[in-house]
C-alpha atoms as a PDB file:
ATOM      1  CA  LEU A   1       5.015 -10.280  -7.489  1.00  0.00           C
ATOM      2  CA  GLY A   2       5.928 -10.350  -3.815  1.00  0.00           C
ATOM      3  CA  GLY A   3       7.620  -6.982  -4.192  1.00  0.00           C
ATOM      4  CA  LEU A   4       4.434  -5.492  -5.644  1.00  0.00           C
ATOM      5  CA  TYR A   5       2.335  -6.942  -2.809  1.00  0.00           C
ATOM      6  CA  ALA A   6       4.755  -5.529  -0.237  1.00  0.00           C
ATOM      7  CA  LEU A   7       4.712  -2.135  -1.952  1.00  0.00           C
ATOM      8  CA  ILE A   8       0.898  -2.021  -1.788  1.00  0.00           C
ATOM      9  CA  ALA A   9       0.799  -3.120   1.859  1.00  0.00           C
ATOM     10  CA  LEU A  10       3.477  -0.783   3.298  1.00  0.00           C
ATOM     11  CA  GLY A  11       1.125   2.201   3.580  1.00  0.00           C
ATOM     12  CA  LEU A  12      -1.626   0.087   5.157  1.00  0.00           C
ATOM     13  CA  SER A  13       0.850  -1.278   7.696  1.00  0.00           C
ATOM     14  CA  LEU A  14       2.159   2.198   8.561  1.00  0.00           C
ATOM     15  CA  VAL A  15      -1.316   3.649   9.181  1.00  0.00           C
ATOM     16  CA  PHE A  16      -2.347   0.736  11.369  1.00  0.00           C
ATOM     17  CA  GLY A  17       0.939   0.710  13.267  1.00  0.00           C
ATOM     18  CA  VAL A  18       0.677   4.420  14.115  1.00  0.00           C
ATOM     19  CA  MET A  19      -3.053   5.129  14.339  1.00  0.00           C
ATOM     20  CA  ARG A  20      -4.518   1.642  14.920  1.00  0.00           C
ATOM     21  CA  LEU A  21      -6.746   2.371  11.920  1.00  0.00           C
ATOM     22  CA  ILE A  22      -7.644  -0.276   9.342  1.00  0.00           C
ATOM     23  CA  ASN A  23      -7.800   1.967   6.289  1.00  0.00           C
ATOM     24  CA  LEU A  24     -10.438   0.319   4.103  1.00  0.00           C
ATOM     25  CA  ALA A  25      -9.799   2.937   1.405  1.00  0.00           C
ATOM     26  CA  HIS A  26      -6.115   2.070   1.008  1.00  0.00           C
ATOM     27  CA  GLY A  27      -6.612  -0.145  -2.047  1.00  0.00           C
ATOM     28  CA  ASP A  28      -8.623   2.584  -3.752  1.00  0.00           C
ATOM     29  CA  PHE A  29      -5.950   5.172  -2.927  1.00  0.00           C
ATOM     30  CA  VAL A  30      -3.447   2.883  -4.673  1.00  0.00           C
ATOM     31  CA  ILE A  31      -5.711   2.721  -7.741  1.00  0.00           C
ATOM     32  CA  LEU A  32      -6.106   6.518  -7.559  1.00  0.00           C
ATOM     33  CA  GLY A  33      -2.309   6.710  -7.859  1.00  0.00           C
ATOM     34  CA  SER A  34      -2.554   4.487 -10.950  1.00  0.00           C
ATOM     35  CA  TYR A  35      -5.161   6.759 -12.527  1.00  0.00           C
ATOM     36  CA  LEU A  36      -3.171   9.919 -11.739  1.00  0.00           C
ATOM     37  CA  ALA A  37      -0.143   8.425 -13.496  1.00  0.00           C
ATOM     38  CA  TYR A  38      -2.381   7.298 -16.374  1.00  0.00           C
ATOM     39  CA  ALA A  39      -3.812  10.826 -16.752  1.00  0.00           C
ATOM     40  CA  LEU A  40      -0.333  12.391 -16.801  1.00  0.00           C
ATOM     41  CA  MET A  41       0.891   9.803 -19.302  1.00  0.00           C
ATOM     42  CA  THR A  42      -2.163  10.236 -21.554  1.00  0.00           C
ATOM     43  CA  PHE A  43      -2.478  14.027 -21.562  1.00  0.00           C
ATOM     44  CA  LEU A  44       1.103  15.187 -20.938  1.00  0.00           C
ATOM     45  CA  GLY A  45       3.064  12.225 -22.264  1.00  0.00           C
ATOM     46  CA  MET A  46       4.915  11.750 -18.975  1.00  0.00           C
ATOM     47  CA  ASP A  47       6.639   8.479 -18.185  1.00  0.00           C
ATOM     48  CA  PRO A  48       4.785   6.766 -15.276  1.00  0.00           C
ATOM     49  CA  VAL A  49       7.870   6.694 -13.040  1.00  0.00           C
ATOM     50  CA  ILE A  50       8.669  10.357 -13.770  1.00  0.00           C
ATOM     51  CA  SER A  51       5.014  11.236 -13.083  1.00  0.00           C
ATOM     52  CA  LEU A  52       5.684  10.406  -9.418  1.00  0.00           C
ATOM     53  CA  VAL A  53       7.219  13.885  -9.195  1.00  0.00           C
ATOM     54  CA  ILE A  54       3.630  15.179  -9.436  1.00  0.00           C
ATOM     55  CA  CYS A  55       1.712  12.212  -8.008  1.00  0.00           C
ATOM     56  CA  ILE A  56       3.650  12.114  -4.730  1.00  0.00           C
ATOM     57  CA  PRO A  57       2.946  15.752  -3.662  1.00  0.00           C
ATOM     58  CA  VAL A  58      -0.714  15.401  -4.717  1.00  0.00           C
ATOM     59  CA  MET A  59      -1.200  12.195  -2.731  1.00  0.00           C
ATOM     60  CA  PHE A  60       0.736  13.612   0.247  1.00  0.00           C
ATOM     61  CA  ALA A  61      -1.552  16.664   0.393  1.00  0.00           C
ATOM     62  CA  LEU A  62      -4.657  14.507  -0.053  1.00  0.00           C
ATOM     63  CA  GLY A  63      -3.599  12.146   2.726  1.00  0.00           C
ATOM     64  CA  PHE A  64      -2.792  14.977   5.140  1.00  0.00           C
ATOM     65  CA  GLY A  65      -6.146  16.624   4.403  1.00  0.00           C
ATOM     66  CA  VAL A  66      -8.135  13.396   4.851  1.00  0.00           C
ATOM     67  CA  GLN A  67      -6.512  12.726   8.219  1.00  0.00           C
ATOM     68  CA  ARG A  68      -6.677  16.324   9.416  1.00  0.00           C
ATOM     69  CA  TYR A  69     -10.270  17.138   8.472  1.00  0.00           C
ATOM     70  CA  LEU A  70     -12.006  13.746   8.433  1.00  0.00           C
ATOM     71  CA  MET A  71     -10.245  11.009  10.390  1.00  0.00           C
ATOM     72  CA  SER A  72      -9.127  13.115  13.371  1.00  0.00           C
ATOM     73  CA  ARG A  73     -12.677  14.373  13.925  1.00  0.00           C
ATOM     74  CA  ALA A  74     -14.039  10.854  13.537  1.00  0.00           C
ATOM     75  CA  PHE A  75     -11.618   9.534  16.188  1.00  0.00           C
ATOM     76  CA  ALA A  76     -13.141  12.049  18.622  1.00  0.00           C
ATOM     77  CA  ILE A  77     -16.540  10.367  18.128  1.00  0.00           C
ATOM     78  CA  SER A  78     -15.568   6.690  18.422  1.00  0.00           C
ATOM     79  CA  MET A  79     -13.063   4.113  17.201  1.00  0.00           C
ATOM     80  CA  GLU A  80     -15.601   2.789  14.680  1.00  0.00           C
ATOM     81  CA  ALA A  81     -16.296   6.147  12.995  1.00  0.00           C
ATOM     82  CA  PRO A  82     -12.954   6.330  11.055  1.00  0.00           C
ATOM     83  CA  LEU A  83     -13.609   2.815   9.744  1.00  0.00           C
ATOM     84  CA  ILE A  84     -16.972   3.914   8.341  1.00  0.00           C
ATOM     85  CA  ILE A  85     -15.456   7.089   6.864  1.00  0.00           C
ATOM     86  CA  ALA A  86     -12.676   5.075   5.195  1.00  0.00           C
ATOM     87  CA  PHE A  87     -15.327   2.800   3.667  1.00  0.00           C
ATOM     88  CA  GLY A  88     -17.212   5.876   2.424  1.00  0.00           C
ATOM     89  CA  ILE A  89     -14.034   7.328   0.894  1.00  0.00           C
ATOM     90  CA  ALA A  90     -13.447   4.018  -0.906  1.00  0.00           C
ATOM     91  CA  LEU A  91     -16.936   4.164  -2.442  1.00  0.00           C
ATOM     92  CA  ILE A  92     -16.467   7.809  -3.479  1.00  0.00           C
ATOM     93  CA  LEU A  93     -13.123   7.043  -5.154  1.00  0.00           C
ATOM     94  CA  GLN A  94     -14.523   4.011  -6.982  1.00  0.00           C
ATOM     95  CA  ASN A  95     -17.525   5.923  -8.328  1.00  0.00           C
ATOM     96  CA  THR A  96     -15.500   9.023  -9.228  1.00  0.00           C
ATOM     97  CA  ASN A  97     -12.963   6.956 -11.181  1.00  0.00           C
ATOM     98  CA  GLN A  98     -15.790   5.117 -12.901  1.00  0.00           C
ATOM     99  CA  ILE A  99     -17.457   8.390 -13.957  1.00  0.00           C
ATOM    100  CA  ILE A 100     -14.202   9.887 -15.260  1.00  0.00           C
ATOM    101  CA  TRP A 101     -12.536   6.827 -16.792  1.00  0.00           C
ATOM    102  CA  THR A 102     -15.501   4.437 -17.391  1.00  0.00           C
ATOM    103  CA  PRO A 103     -15.395   0.814 -16.150  1.00  0.00           C
ATOM    104  CA  LEU A 104     -12.960  -0.197 -18.913  1.00  0.00           C
ATOM    105  CA  SER A 105      -9.568  -1.501 -17.773  1.00  0.00           C
ATOM    106  CA  ARG A 106      -6.495   0.703 -18.232  1.00  0.00           C
ATOM    107  CA  GLY A 107      -2.774   0.132 -18.026  1.00  0.00           C
ATOM    108  CA  LEU A 108       0.521   2.020 -17.835  1.00  0.00           C
ATOM    109  CA  THR A 109       2.260   0.555 -20.862  1.00  0.00           C
ATOM    110  CA  THR A 110       5.897   1.514 -21.440  1.00  0.00           C
ATOM    111  CA  SER A 111       8.720  -0.013 -23.435  1.00  0.00           C
ATOM    112  CA  TYR A 112      10.579  -1.191 -20.326  1.00  0.00           C
ATOM    113  CA  SER A 113       7.468  -2.566 -18.583  1.00  0.00           C
ATOM    114  CA  LEU A 114       6.945  -4.874 -21.583  1.00  0.00           C
ATOM    115  CA  ALA A 115      10.623  -5.871 -21.755  1.00  0.00           C
ATOM    116  CA  SER A 116      12.182  -8.968 -20.204  1.00  0.00           C
ATOM    117  CA  PHE A 117      15.599 -10.038 -18.984  1.00  0.00           C
ATOM    118  CA  SER A 118      17.373 -13.380 -18.922  1.00  0.00           C
ATOM    119  CA  LEU A 119      18.924 -15.422 -16.142  1.00  0.00           C
ATOM    120  CA  GLY A 120      20.493 -18.398 -17.812  1.00  0.00           C
ATOM    121  CA  GLN A 121      17.805 -19.954 -20.002  1.00  0.00           C
ATOM    122  CA  LEU A 122      14.924 -18.349 -18.082  1.00  0.00           C
ATOM    123  CA  GLU A 123      13.091 -15.182 -19.144  1.00  0.00           C
ATOM    124  CA  PHE A 124      11.565 -12.823 -16.554  1.00  0.00           C
ATOM    125  CA  PRO A 125       9.336  -9.751 -17.084  1.00  0.00           C
ATOM    126  CA  MET A 126      11.199  -6.518 -16.368  1.00  0.00           C
ATOM    127  CA  SER A 127       8.142  -5.142 -14.512  1.00  0.00           C
ATOM    128  CA  TYR A 128       8.547  -7.741 -11.740  1.00  0.00           C
ATOM    129  CA  LEU A 129      12.179  -6.785 -11.212  1.00  0.00           C
ATOM    130  CA  LEU A 130      11.161  -3.107 -11.032  1.00  0.00           C
ATOM    131  CA  ASN A 131       8.449  -3.988  -8.481  1.00  0.00           C
ATOM    132  CA  PHE A 132      10.969  -5.748  -6.257  1.00  0.00           C
ATOM    133  CA  ILE A 133      13.509  -2.912  -6.458  1.00  0.00           C
ATOM    134  CA  ALA A 134      10.826  -0.266  -5.767  1.00  0.00           C
ATOM    135  CA  ALA A 135       9.498  -2.215  -2.764  1.00  0.00           C
ATOM    136  CA  LEU A 136      13.009  -2.619  -1.372  1.00  0.00           C
ATOM    137  CA  ILE A 137      13.745   1.112  -1.763  1.00  0.00           C
ATOM    138  CA  VAL A 138      10.445   2.231  -0.197  1.00  0.00           C
ATOM    139  CA  MET A 139      10.763  -0.237   2.694  1.00  0.00           C
ATOM    140  CA  LEU A 140      14.335   0.835   3.496  1.00  0.00           C
ATOM    141  CA  ALA A 141      13.453   4.525   3.119  1.00  0.00           C
ATOM    142  CA  LEU A 142      10.496   4.201   5.525  1.00  0.00           C
ATOM    143  CA  ARG A 143      12.541   2.181   7.992  1.00  0.00           C
ATOM    144  CA  GLU A 144      15.424   4.671   8.011  1.00  0.00           C
ATOM    145  CA  PHE A 145      12.999   7.606   8.174  1.00  0.00           C
ATOM    146  CA  LEU A 146      11.235   6.166  11.236  1.00  0.00           C
ATOM    147  CA  MET A 147      14.527   5.337  12.971  1.00  0.00           C
ATOM    148  CA  ARG A 148      16.714   8.368  12.201  1.00  0.00           C
ATOM    149  CA  THR A 149      14.587  11.509  11.764  1.00  0.00           C
ATOM    150  CA  TYR A 150      12.856  13.612  14.415  1.00  0.00           C
ATOM    151  CA  LEU A 151       9.478  13.258  12.693  1.00  0.00           C
ATOM    152  CA  GLY A 152      10.023   9.521  12.291  1.00  0.00           C
ATOM    153  CA  LYS A 153      10.821   9.137  15.985  1.00  0.00           C
ATOM    154  CA  ALA A 154       7.767  11.246  16.837  1.00  0.00           C
ATOM    155  CA  ILE A 155       5.607   8.946  14.701  1.00  0.00           C
ATOM    156  CA  THR A 156       7.100   5.905  16.455  1.00  0.00           C
ATOM    157  CA  ALA A 157       6.535   7.472  19.880  1.00  0.00           C
ATOM    158  CA  ALA A 158       2.912   8.309  19.063  1.00  0.00           C
ATOM    159  CA  SER A 159       2.342   4.745  17.878  1.00  0.00           C
ATOM    160  CA  GLN A 160       3.736   3.291  21.111  1.00  0.00           C
ATOM    161  CA  ASN A 161       1.948   5.589  23.580  1.00  0.00           C
ATOM    162  CA  LYS A 162      -0.096   8.543  22.382  1.00  0.00           C
ATOM    163  CA  ARG A 163      -0.591  10.071  25.829  1.00  0.00           C
ATOM    164  CA  ALA A 164       3.097   9.857  26.779  1.00  0.00           C
ATOM    165  CA  ALA A 165       4.110  11.345  23.412  1.00  0.00           C
ATOM    166  CA  HIS A 166       1.654  14.205  23.945  1.00  0.00           C
ATOM    167  CA  LEU A 167       3.069  14.865  27.430  1.00  0.00           C
ATOM    168  CA  MET A 168       6.575  15.034  25.909  1.00  0.00           C
ATOM    169  CA  GLY A 169       5.467  17.905  23.661  1.00  0.00           C
ATOM    170  CA  ILE A 170       4.670  15.977  20.493  1.00  0.00           C
ATOM    171  CA  ASN A 171       1.677  17.275  18.548  1.00  0.00           C
ATOM    172  CA  THR A 172       0.093  13.870  17.986  1.00  0.00           C
ATOM    173  CA  ASP A 173      -2.648  15.174  15.663  1.00  0.00           C
ATOM    174  CA  ARG A 174      -0.036  16.651  13.325  1.00  0.00           C
ATOM    175  CA  VAL A 175       2.073  13.496  13.587  1.00  0.00           C
ATOM    176  CA  TYR A 176      -0.940  11.389  12.601  1.00  0.00           C
ATOM    177  CA  GLY A 177      -1.503  13.707   9.630  1.00  0.00           C
ATOM    178  CA  PHE A 178       2.077  13.231   8.435  1.00  0.00           C
ATOM    179  CA  ALA A 179       1.886   9.450   8.962  1.00  0.00           C
ATOM    180  CA  PHE A 180      -1.272   9.221   6.863  1.00  0.00           C
ATOM    181  CA  ALA A 181       0.267  11.472   4.203  1.00  0.00           C
ATOM    182  CA  ILE A 182       3.420   9.319   4.038  1.00  0.00           C
ATOM    183  CA  ALA A 183       1.219   6.240   3.657  1.00  0.00           C
ATOM    184  CA  MET A 184      -0.446   7.951   0.682  1.00  0.00           C
ATOM    185  CA  VAL A 185       2.988   8.592  -0.847  1.00  0.00           C
ATOM    186  CA  SER A 186       3.613   4.860  -0.568  1.00  0.00           C
ATOM    187  CA  ALA A 187       0.205   4.273  -2.212  1.00  0.00           C
ATOM    188  CA  ALA A 188       1.173   6.581  -5.105  1.00  0.00           C
ATOM    189  CA  VAL A 189       4.372   4.620  -5.759  1.00  0.00           C
ATOM    190  CA  ALA A 190       2.481   1.326  -5.479  1.00  0.00           C
ATOM    191  CA  GLY A 191      -0.181   2.603  -7.899  1.00  0.00           C
ATOM    192  CA  VAL A 192       2.389   3.413 -10.579  1.00  0.00           C
ATOM    193  CA  PHE A 193       4.120   0.032 -10.419  1.00  0.00           C
ATOM    194  CA  LEU A 194       0.804  -1.822 -10.153  1.00  0.00           C
ATOM    195  CA  GLY A 195      -0.372  -0.065 -13.311  1.00  0.00           C
ATOM    196  CA  MET A 196       2.779  -1.128 -15.154  1.00  0.00           C
ATOM    197  CA  THR A 197       2.265  -4.757 -14.081  1.00  0.00           C
ATOM    198  CA  PHE A 198      -1.498  -5.391 -14.264  1.00  0.00           C
ATOM    199  CA  PRO A 199      -4.486  -3.734 -15.946  1.00  0.00           C
ATOM    200  CA  PHE A 200      -6.692  -1.895 -13.456  1.00  0.00           C
ATOM    201  CA  THR A 201     -10.314  -0.730 -13.215  1.00  0.00           C
ATOM    202  CA  PRO A 202     -12.114   1.604 -10.771  1.00  0.00           C
ATOM    203  CA  VAL A 203     -12.943  -1.362  -8.499  1.00  0.00           C
ATOM    204  CA  SER A 204      -9.533  -3.085  -8.595  1.00  0.00           C
ATOM    205  CA  GLY A 205      -8.642  -1.592  -5.213  1.00  0.00           C
ATOM    206  CA  VAL A 206     -10.854  -4.072  -3.345  1.00  0.00           C
ATOM    207  CA  SER A 207      -8.936  -7.166  -4.477  1.00  0.00           C
ATOM    208  CA  PHE A 208      -5.552  -5.556  -3.777  1.00  0.00           C
ATOM    209  CA  LEU A 209      -6.769  -4.364  -0.347  1.00  0.00           C
ATOM    210  CA  ILE A 210      -7.550  -7.989   0.566  1.00  0.00           C
ATOM    211  CA  ILE A 211      -4.070  -9.051  -0.547  1.00  0.00           C
ATOM    212  CA  ALA A 212      -2.549  -6.179   1.467  1.00  0.00           C
ATOM    213  CA  PHE A 213      -4.409  -7.425   4.558  1.00  0.00           C
ATOM    214  CA  GLY A 214      -2.867 -10.847   4.015  1.00  0.00           C
ATOM    215  CA  VAL A 215       0.607  -9.331   3.715  1.00  0.00           C
ATOM    216  CA  VAL A 216       0.394  -7.341   6.949  1.00  0.00           C
ATOM    217  CA  ILE A 217      -1.199 -10.266   8.816  1.00  0.00           C
ATOM    218  CA  ILE A 218       1.702 -12.526   7.880  1.00  0.00           C
ATOM    219  CA  GLY A 219       4.457  -9.933   8.298  1.00  0.00           C
ATOM    220  CA  GLY A 220       3.061  -8.210  11.383  1.00  0.00           C
ATOM    221  CA  LEU A 221       1.059  -4.996  11.549  1.00  0.00           C
ATOM    222  CA  GLY A 222       3.269  -1.932  11.822  1.00  0.00           C
ATOM    223  CA  SER A 223       6.534  -3.694  10.883  1.00  0.00           C
ATOM    224  CA  MET A 224       8.105  -2.365   7.668  1.00  0.00           C
ATOM    225  CA  LEU A 225      10.568  -5.256   7.314  1.00  0.00           C
ATOM    226  CA  GLY A 226       7.845  -7.745   8.237  1.00  0.00           C
ATOM    227  CA  THR A 227       5.517  -6.275   5.602  1.00  0.00           C
ATOM    228  CA  PHE A 228       8.223  -6.597   2.940  1.00  0.00           C
ATOM    229  CA  ILE A 229       8.952 -10.215   3.840  1.00  0.00           C
ATOM    230  CA  GLY A 230       5.219 -10.948   4.117  1.00  0.00           C
ATOM    231  CA  GLY A 231       4.746  -9.671   0.570  1.00  0.00           C
ATOM    232  CA  ILE A 232       7.557 -11.895  -0.706  1.00  0.00           C
ATOM    233  CA  ILE A 233       6.042 -14.919   1.070  1.00  0.00           C
ATOM    234  CA  LEU A 234       2.596 -14.287  -0.410  1.00  0.00           C
ATOM    235  CA  GLY A 235       4.028 -13.788  -3.895  1.00  0.00           C
ATOM    236  CA  LEU A 236       5.992 -17.044  -3.666  1.00  0.00           C
ATOM    237  CA  VAL A 237       3.047 -19.022  -2.284  1.00  0.00           C
ATOM    238  CA  GLN A 238       0.656 -17.738  -4.963  1.00  0.00           C
ATOM    239  CA  THR A 239       3.113 -18.367  -7.804  1.00  0.00           C
ATOM    240  CA  LEU A 240       4.245 -21.830  -6.652  1.00  0.00           C
ATOM    241  CA  SER A 241       0.730 -23.066  -5.836  1.00  0.00           C
ATOM    242  CA  GLY A 242      -0.414 -21.884  -9.272  1.00  0.00           C
ATOM    243  CA  ALA A 243       2.514 -23.638 -10.957  1.00  0.00           C
ATOM    244  CA  TYR A 244       2.204 -26.987  -9.148  1.00  0.00           C
ATOM    245  CA  LEU A 245      -1.518 -27.211  -8.277  1.00  0.00           C
ATOM    246  CA  GLY A 246      -3.131 -25.047 -10.964  1.00  0.00           C
ATOM    247  CA  PRO A 247      -4.443 -21.456 -11.118  1.00  0.00           C
ATOM    248  CA  ALA A 248      -7.674 -22.375  -9.296  1.00  0.00           C
ATOM    249  CA  TYR A 249      -5.692 -23.146  -6.120  1.00  0.00           C
ATOM    250  CA  GLN A 250      -3.675 -19.919  -5.982  1.00  0.00           C
ATOM    251  CA  MET A 251      -5.917 -17.851  -3.729  1.00  0.00           C
ATOM    252  CA  LEU A 252      -7.169 -20.874  -1.762  1.00  0.00           C
ATOM    253  CA  ILE A 253      -3.670 -21.835  -0.609  1.00  0.00           C
ATOM    254  CA  LEU A 254      -2.942 -18.168   0.063  1.00  0.00           C
ATOM    255  CA  TYR A 255      -5.871 -17.675   2.434  1.00  0.00           C
ATOM    256  CA  VAL A 256      -5.385 -21.046   4.125  1.00  0.00           C
ATOM    257  CA  MET A 257      -1.841 -19.948   4.972  1.00  0.00           C
ATOM    258  CA  ILE A 258      -3.139 -16.622   6.325  1.00  0.00           C
ATOM    259  CA  LEU A 259      -5.627 -18.475   8.555  1.00  0.00           C
ATOM    260  CA  VAL A 260      -2.844 -20.751   9.835  1.00  0.00           C
ATOM    261  CA  VAL A 261      -0.670 -17.742  10.710  1.00  0.00           C
ATOM    262  CA  LEU A 262      -3.623 -16.085  12.490  1.00  0.00           C
ATOM    263  CA  ALA A 263      -4.246 -19.264  14.494  1.00  0.00           C
ATOM    264  CA  ILE A 264      -0.612 -19.866  15.466  1.00  0.00           C
ATOM    265  CA  ARG A 265       0.796 -16.332  15.727  1.00  0.00           C
ATOM    266  CA  PRO A 266      -1.923 -13.627  15.526  1.00  0.00           C
ATOM    267  CA  GLN A 267       0.589 -10.758  15.733  1.00  0.00           C
ATOM    268  CA  GLY A 268       2.331 -11.961  12.574  1.00  0.00           C
ATOM    269  CA  LEU A 269       5.806 -13.336  12.010  1.00  0.00           C
ATOM    270  CA  PHE A 270       7.532 -10.045  12.874  1.00  0.00           C
ATOM    271  CA  GLY A 271       4.838  -8.339  14.980  1.00  0.00           C
ATOM    272  CA  ARG A 272       5.175  -7.612  18.664  1.00  0.00           C
END
């Protein structure tokens, strides 16, 4: 569960770390990834994981276009304008999905997502193991990309000081476009594994956006490793509080912990 939460939050953390933008549409982009995989599975019979071959380029292009033609122009107006546009995009995605797919819940059901594996006498759903592995792969891939590639270093430079990066010859507008597009790739992967774990509806993005906020607050905005560990912490806290205190206490304990972290260390456990 923590792996899934981390997977959902990685794109949100990347966009905020680079652009200082709280992308209110991120949860709905994740659900859009779920619906794209569902459409490919329903009409073409593609396995959800294999459908990422199509979903990733589509989400990458969509993310680059949104940043290039909407967000960048909004930033020129004010810092609040991109926030309002992101909220508008979220509403458009919710209503579009509702028109196409109806409000009924859907799911990405496969033989391996329903399977389980044993550790001793305990049985665990295979989908949770897949979530953890996917989150680990995406986190490490993003971390290595940001540290070792020219584009990754350009993204890091733009996040640290936009003006200095621009003076060093970095096209910051293009860098922001690629950062947003990479975040959408992360959302596509998260959407597929979310759909294999939980049923989803056109408005499911709101609840997962709130959880993603909690993850990045605990882990530290802009930190890939911190986001991963923050997701694991939230998953453990939700599961253990539900097991020992009852399901009604799950989200209460979760948000109390988030408030405590905000009060003691506002930048998060791994933030700067």
